[in-house]
Amino acid sequence: MPGPVFIDGDGVELRTIEREDLDFCRRTLNDPAVRRGLAATDPLTSSAEEEWYERHVVEGDDVHLLVCDDGEPVGTVGLNGVNETFGNAELGYWIAPDYHRNGYATAAARALVDYAFTERRLHKVYANAFAFNEGSQRVLQKVGFEREGVHREQAFVDGEYVDVYRYGLLAPDHTAP
């Protein structure tokens, strides 16, 4: 059962990730349709997911939340590498394939970016998207991110090197939802 609502977004609830949610996360992250977009190459075991949870959710400084629709988990969203000194963090998200194309990623990203700027007082949120991941690029553009550059052949995915697009959004350019 997902934890309490931390952020109530437009069409999504961003809830705390609890141990009971780790099976949903592990199953989804092992799905080839999700793994490809994250360039995850190793099978994710229960113990590995438990280690991630302890290191990043329980003890870490990053923000990781479960994306839910009426209490039903559909994915995750997070702010990684939160740097209070520089005032920035990296946005990351994934949505289970059965829930793709329903606006969940856009709504979750929009809500978490608003939180980053208004409550955490960050100045910049950035994100990376593979050149082949047009869906993720659309999410970022809808939220207001601008493509800032290309890391040529930065990642090795499915047997080939692919470009990684870098996106950024500054607090002054952000329009609240």
C-alpha atoms as a PDB file:
ATOM      1  CA  MET A   1       0.000   0.000   0.000  1.00  0.00           C
ATOM      2  CA  PRO A   2       1.503   3.343  -1.013  1.00  0.00           C
ATOM      3  CA  GLY A   3       2.383   5.777   1.735  1.00  0.00           C
ATOM      4  CA  PRO A   4       0.633   9.057   2.451  1.00  0.00           C
ATOM      5  CA  VAL A   5       0.167  11.727  -0.193  1.00  0.00           C
ATOM      6  CA  PHE A   6       3.143  14.097  -0.111  1.00  0.00           C
ATOM      7  CA  ILE A   7       2.194  16.181  -3.172  1.00  0.00           C
ATOM      8  CA  ASP A   8      -1.284  16.264  -4.681  1.00  0.00           C
ATOM      9  CA  GLY A   9      -0.744  16.983  -8.376  1.00  0.00           C
ATOM     10  CA  ASP A  10      -3.127  17.518 -11.248  1.00  0.00           C
ATOM     11  CA  GLY A  11      -4.396  13.978 -11.876  1.00  0.00           C
ATOM     12  CA  VAL A  12      -1.737  12.250  -9.745  1.00  0.00           C
ATOM     13  CA  GLU A  13      -0.765  11.842  -6.135  1.00  0.00           C
ATOM     14  CA  LEU A  14       2.915  11.716  -5.283  1.00  0.00           C
ATOM     15  CA  ARG A  15       3.180   9.433  -2.274  1.00  0.00           C
ATOM     16  CA  THR A  16       6.041   8.229  -0.137  1.00  0.00           C
ATOM     17  CA  ILE A  17       7.588   4.948  -1.267  1.00  0.00           C
ATOM     18  CA  GLU A  18       7.151   2.228   1.347  1.00  0.00           C
ATOM     19  CA  ARG A  19       8.703  -1.242   1.565  1.00  0.00           C
ATOM     20  CA  GLU A  20       5.413  -2.737   0.380  1.00  0.00           C
ATOM     21  CA  ASP A  21       5.835  -0.824  -2.910  1.00  0.00           C
ATOM     22  CA  LEU A  22       9.209  -2.379  -3.732  1.00  0.00           C
ATOM     23  CA  ASP A  23       7.694  -5.411  -5.470  1.00  0.00           C
ATOM     24  CA  PHE A  24       5.794  -3.123  -7.864  1.00  0.00           C
ATOM     25  CA  CYS A  25       9.011  -1.154  -8.490  1.00  0.00           C
ATOM     26  CA  ARG A  26      11.147  -4.267  -9.039  1.00  0.00           C
ATOM     27  CA  ARG A  27       8.632  -5.899 -11.388  1.00  0.00           C
ATOM     28  CA  THR A  28       8.243  -2.712 -13.416  1.00  0.00           C
ATOM     29  CA  LEU A  29      11.946  -1.884 -13.570  1.00  0.00           C
ATOM     30  CA  ASN A  30      12.647  -5.389 -14.904  1.00  0.00           C
ATOM     31  CA  ASP A  31      10.122  -4.869 -17.727  1.00  0.00           C
ATOM     32  CA  PRO A  32      12.064  -4.486 -21.008  1.00  0.00           C
ATOM     33  CA  ALA A  33       9.931  -1.484 -22.033  1.00  0.00           C
ATOM     34  CA  VAL A  34      10.989   0.375 -18.872  1.00  0.00           C
ATOM     35  CA  ARG A  35      14.578  -0.924 -18.644  1.00  0.00           C
ATOM     36  CA  ARG A  36      15.403   0.346 -22.131  1.00  0.00           C
ATOM     37  CA  GLY A  37      14.483   3.942 -21.275  1.00  0.00           C
ATOM     38  CA  LEU A  38      16.684   3.792 -18.187  1.00  0.00           C
ATOM     39  CA  ALA A  39      19.516   1.790 -19.795  1.00  0.00           C
ATOM     40  CA  ALA A  40      19.246  -0.725 -16.964  1.00  0.00           C
ATOM     41  CA  THR A  41      21.241  -3.760 -18.026  1.00  0.00           C
ATOM     42  CA  ASP A  42      21.210  -6.003 -14.959  1.00  0.00           C
ATOM     43  CA  PRO A  43      18.234  -7.892 -13.555  1.00  0.00           C
ATOM     44  CA  LEU A  44      16.910  -6.184 -10.444  1.00  0.00           C
ATOM     45  CA  THR A  45      16.525  -8.585  -7.525  1.00  0.00           C
ATOM     46  CA  SER A  46      14.489  -8.105  -4.368  1.00  0.00           C
ATOM     47  CA  SER A  47      17.633  -7.637  -2.299  1.00  0.00           C
ATOM     48  CA  ALA A  48      19.049  -5.071  -4.753  1.00  0.00           C
ATOM     49  CA  GLU A  49      15.789  -3.112  -4.653  1.00  0.00           C
ATOM     50  CA  GLU A  50      15.820  -3.275  -0.846  1.00  0.00           C
ATOM     51  CA  GLU A  51      19.414  -1.926  -0.833  1.00  0.00           C
ATOM     52  CA  TRP A  52      18.390   0.949  -3.141  1.00  0.00           C
ATOM     53  CA  TYR A  53      15.435   1.721  -0.893  1.00  0.00           C
ATOM     54  CA  GLU A  54      17.593   1.859   2.254  1.00  0.00           C
ATOM     55  CA  ARG A  55      20.367   3.906   0.616  1.00  0.00           C
ATOM     56  CA  HIS A  56      18.261   6.378  -1.370  1.00  0.00           C
ATOM     57  CA  VAL A  57      14.812   6.583   0.202  1.00  0.00           C
ATOM     58  CA  VAL A  58      15.427   5.950   3.894  1.00  0.00           C
ATOM     59  CA  GLU A  59      18.913   7.413   4.326  1.00  0.00           C
ATOM     60  CA  GLY A  60      19.496   9.580   1.244  1.00  0.00           C
ATOM     61  CA  ASP A  61      19.042  13.272   0.579  1.00  0.00           C
ATOM     62  CA  ASP A  62      17.260  12.772  -2.732  1.00  0.00           C
ATOM     63  CA  VAL A  63      13.480  12.842  -3.173  1.00  0.00           C
ATOM     64  CA  HIS A  64      11.814   9.662  -4.464  1.00  0.00           C
ATOM     65  CA  LEU A  65       8.048   9.410  -4.688  1.00  0.00           C
ATOM     66  CA  LEU A  66       5.527   6.906  -5.973  1.00  0.00           C
ATOM     67  CA  VAL A  67       3.256   8.246  -8.720  1.00  0.00           C
ATOM     68  CA  CYS A  68      -0.296   7.095  -8.008  1.00  0.00           C
ATOM     69  CA  ASP A  69      -3.739   7.476  -9.509  1.00  0.00           C
ATOM     70  CA  ASP A  70      -6.378   7.199  -6.794  1.00  0.00           C
ATOM     71  CA  GLY A  71      -3.958   5.251  -4.594  1.00  0.00           C
ATOM     72  CA  GLU A  72      -2.910   2.866  -7.382  1.00  0.00           C
ATOM     73  CA  PRO A  73       0.855   2.982  -8.159  1.00  0.00           C
ATOM     74  CA  VAL A  74       1.696   3.751 -11.792  1.00  0.00           C
ATOM     75  CA  GLY A  75       5.372   4.792 -11.570  1.00  0.00           C
ATOM     76  CA  THR A  76       7.938   6.866  -9.716  1.00  0.00           C
ATOM     77  CA  VAL A  77       9.388  10.354  -9.920  1.00  0.00           C
ATOM     78  CA  GLY A  78      12.395  11.797  -8.166  1.00  0.00           C
ATOM     79  CA  LEU A  79      14.912  14.539  -7.665  1.00  0.00           C
ATOM     80  CA  ASN A  80      18.380  12.999  -7.749  1.00  0.00           C
ATOM     81  CA  GLY A  81      21.694  14.528  -6.766  1.00  0.00           C
ATOM     82  CA  VAL A  82      20.034  17.399  -4.918  1.00  0.00           C
ATOM     83  CA  ASN A  83      22.781  19.996  -4.547  1.00  0.00           C
ATOM     84  CA  GLU A  84      21.731  22.702  -2.094  1.00  0.00           C
ATOM     85  CA  THR A  85      24.999  24.607  -2.669  1.00  0.00           C
ATOM     86  CA  PHE A  86      24.525  24.887  -6.430  1.00  0.00           C
ATOM     87  CA  GLY A  87      20.734  24.950  -6.161  1.00  0.00           C
ATOM     88  CA  ASN A  88      20.014  22.154  -8.620  1.00  0.00           C
ATOM     89  CA  ALA A  89      18.839  18.562  -8.965  1.00  0.00           C
ATOM     90  CA  GLU A  90      18.189  16.021 -11.693  1.00  0.00           C
ATOM     91  CA  LEU A  91      14.611  15.011 -12.457  1.00  0.00           C
ATOM     92  CA  GLY A  92      13.997  11.332 -13.144  1.00  0.00           C
ATOM     93  CA  TYR A  93      10.800   9.341 -13.701  1.00  0.00           C
ATOM     94  CA  TRP A  94       9.362   6.152 -15.088  1.00  0.00           C
ATOM     95  CA  ILE A  95       5.819   4.957 -15.629  1.00  0.00           C
ATOM     96  CA  ALA A  96       4.694   1.323 -15.913  1.00  0.00           C
ATOM     97  CA  PRO A  97       3.913   0.395 -19.544  1.00  0.00           C
ATOM     98  CA  ASP A  98       0.215  -0.280 -18.843  1.00  0.00           C
ATOM     99  CA  TYR A  99      -0.122   3.384 -17.845  1.00  0.00           C
ATOM    100  CA  HIS A 100       1.848   5.041 -20.670  1.00  0.00           C
ATOM    101  CA  ARG A 101       0.220   7.832 -22.678  1.00  0.00           C
ATOM    102  CA  ASN A 102      -2.144   8.895 -19.896  1.00  0.00           C
ATOM    103  CA  GLY A 103      -0.287  12.044 -18.838  1.00  0.00           C
ATOM    104  CA  TYR A 104       1.030  10.593 -15.582  1.00  0.00           C
ATOM    105  CA  ALA A 105       4.693  11.393 -16.266  1.00  0.00           C
ATOM    106  CA  THR A 106       3.895  14.966 -17.276  1.00  0.00           C
ATOM    107  CA  ALA A 107       1.656  15.567 -14.244  1.00  0.00           C
ATOM    108  CA  ALA A 108       4.181  14.006 -11.856  1.00  0.00           C
ATOM    109  CA  ALA A 109       7.126  15.914 -13.341  1.00  0.00           C
ATOM    110  CA  ARG A 110       5.195  19.176 -13.243  1.00  0.00           C
ATOM    111  CA  ALA A 111       4.217  18.679  -9.580  1.00  0.00           C
ATOM    112  CA  LEU A 112       7.726  17.693  -8.476  1.00  0.00           C
ATOM    113  CA  VAL A 113       9.375  20.550 -10.368  1.00  0.00           C
ATOM    114  CA  ASP A 114       6.973  22.986  -8.721  1.00  0.00           C
ATOM    115  CA  TYR A 115       7.936  21.509  -5.332  1.00  0.00           C
ATOM    116  CA  ALA A 116      11.644  21.839  -6.205  1.00  0.00           C
ATOM    117  CA  PHE A 117      11.305  25.538  -6.992  1.00  0.00           C
ATOM    118  CA  THR A 118       8.752  26.641  -4.406  1.00  0.00           C
ATOM    119  CA  GLU A 119       9.547  24.491  -1.375  1.00  0.00           C
ATOM    120  CA  ARG A 120      13.180  23.485  -1.865  1.00  0.00           C
ATOM    121  CA  ARG A 121      14.160  26.861  -3.390  1.00  0.00           C
ATOM    122  CA  LEU A 122      16.232  25.203  -6.106  1.00  0.00           C
ATOM    123  CA  HIS A 123      17.288  27.380  -9.017  1.00  0.00           C
ATOM    124  CA  LYS A 124      17.551  24.700 -11.721  1.00  0.00           C
ATOM    125  CA  VAL A 125      16.166  21.266 -12.431  1.00  0.00           C
ATOM    126  CA  TYR A 126      17.759  19.286 -15.243  1.00  0.00           C
ATOM    127  CA  ALA A 127      17.019  15.973 -16.926  1.00  0.00           C
ATOM    128  CA  ASN A 128      18.484  13.612 -19.494  1.00  0.00           C
ATOM    129  CA  ALA A 129      16.607  11.761 -22.230  1.00  0.00           C
ATOM    130  CA  PHE A 130      17.867   9.302 -24.806  1.00  0.00           C
ATOM    131  CA  ALA A 131      17.540  10.503 -28.392  1.00  0.00           C
ATOM    132  CA  PHE A 132      15.207   7.570 -29.146  1.00  0.00           C
ATOM    133  CA  ASN A 133      12.921   8.335 -26.181  1.00  0.00           C
ATOM    134  CA  GLU A 134      10.589  10.843 -27.797  1.00  0.00           C
ATOM    135  CA  GLY A 135       7.954  10.312 -25.106  1.00  0.00           C
ATOM    136  CA  SER A 136      10.308  11.458 -22.372  1.00  0.00           C
ATOM    137  CA  GLN A 137      11.398  14.436 -24.461  1.00  0.00           C
ATOM    138  CA  ARG A 138       7.730  15.441 -24.900  1.00  0.00           C
ATOM    139  CA  VAL A 139       7.169  15.217 -21.147  1.00  0.00           C
ATOM    140  CA  LEU A 140      10.078  17.558 -20.476  1.00  0.00           C
ATOM    141  CA  GLN A 141       8.999  20.026 -23.158  1.00  0.00           C
ATOM    142  CA  LYS A 142       5.406  20.103 -21.842  1.00  0.00           C
ATOM    143  CA  VAL A 143       6.717  20.921 -18.366  1.00  0.00           C
ATOM    144  CA  GLY A 144       8.772  23.804 -19.787  1.00  0.00           C
ATOM    145  CA  PHE A 145      12.267  22.314 -20.047  1.00  0.00           C
ATOM    146  CA  GLU A 146      14.532  23.444 -22.868  1.00  0.00           C
ATOM    147  CA  ARG A 147      17.010  21.211 -24.613  1.00  0.00           C
ATOM    148  CA  GLU A 148      20.419  22.556 -23.649  1.00  0.00           C
ATOM    149  CA  GLY A 149      22.712  20.200 -25.457  1.00  0.00           C
ATOM    150  CA  VAL A 150      23.583  16.787 -26.786  1.00  0.00           C
ATOM    151  CA  HIS A 151      25.977  14.304 -25.248  1.00  0.00           C
ATOM    152  CA  ARG A 152      26.962  12.460 -28.396  1.00  0.00           C
ATOM    153  CA  GLU A 153      26.976   8.665 -28.133  1.00  0.00           C
ATOM    154  CA  GLN A 154      26.927   9.014 -24.343  1.00  0.00           C
ATOM    155  CA  ALA A 155      25.143   5.741 -23.585  1.00  0.00           C
ATOM    156  CA  PHE A 156      25.287   2.154 -24.779  1.00  0.00           C
ATOM    157  CA  VAL A 157      21.718   0.868 -25.140  1.00  0.00           C
ATOM    158  CA  ASP A 158      20.607  -2.342 -26.839  1.00  0.00           C
ATOM    159  CA  GLY A 159      23.931  -2.887 -28.572  1.00  0.00           C
ATOM    160  CA  GLU A 160      24.530   0.620 -29.878  1.00  0.00           C
ATOM    161  CA  TYR A 161      25.788   3.981 -28.689  1.00  0.00           C
ATOM    162  CA  VAL A 162      23.065   6.603 -28.495  1.00  0.00           C
ATOM    163  CA  ASP A 163      22.949  10.337 -27.944  1.00  0.00           C
ATOM    164  CA  VAL A 164      21.680  11.717 -24.658  1.00  0.00           C
ATOM    165  CA  TYR A 165      19.836  15.038 -24.719  1.00  0.00           C
ATOM    166  CA  ARG A 166      20.279  17.333 -21.747  1.00  0.00           C
ATOM    167  CA  TYR A 167      17.282  19.441 -20.706  1.00  0.00           C
ATOM    168  CA  GLY A 168      17.079  22.208 -18.145  1.00  0.00           C
ATOM    169  CA  LEU A 169      14.519  24.444 -16.497  1.00  0.00           C
ATOM    170  CA  LEU A 170      15.354  27.517 -14.444  1.00  0.00           C
ATOM    171  CA  ALA A 171      13.143  28.706 -11.600  1.00  0.00           C
ATOM    172  CA  PRO A 172      12.493  32.128 -13.203  1.00  0.00           C
ATOM    173  CA  ASP A 173      11.218  30.366 -16.359  1.00  0.00           C
ATOM    174  CA  HIS A 174       8.907  28.031 -14.460  1.00  0.00           C
ATOM    175  CA  THR A 175       5.181  28.607 -14.492  1.00  0.00           C
ATOM    176  CA  ALA A 176       3.389  26.966 -11.585  1.00  0.00           C
ATOM    177  CA  PRO A 177       0.693  24.405 -12.411  1.00  0.00           C
END
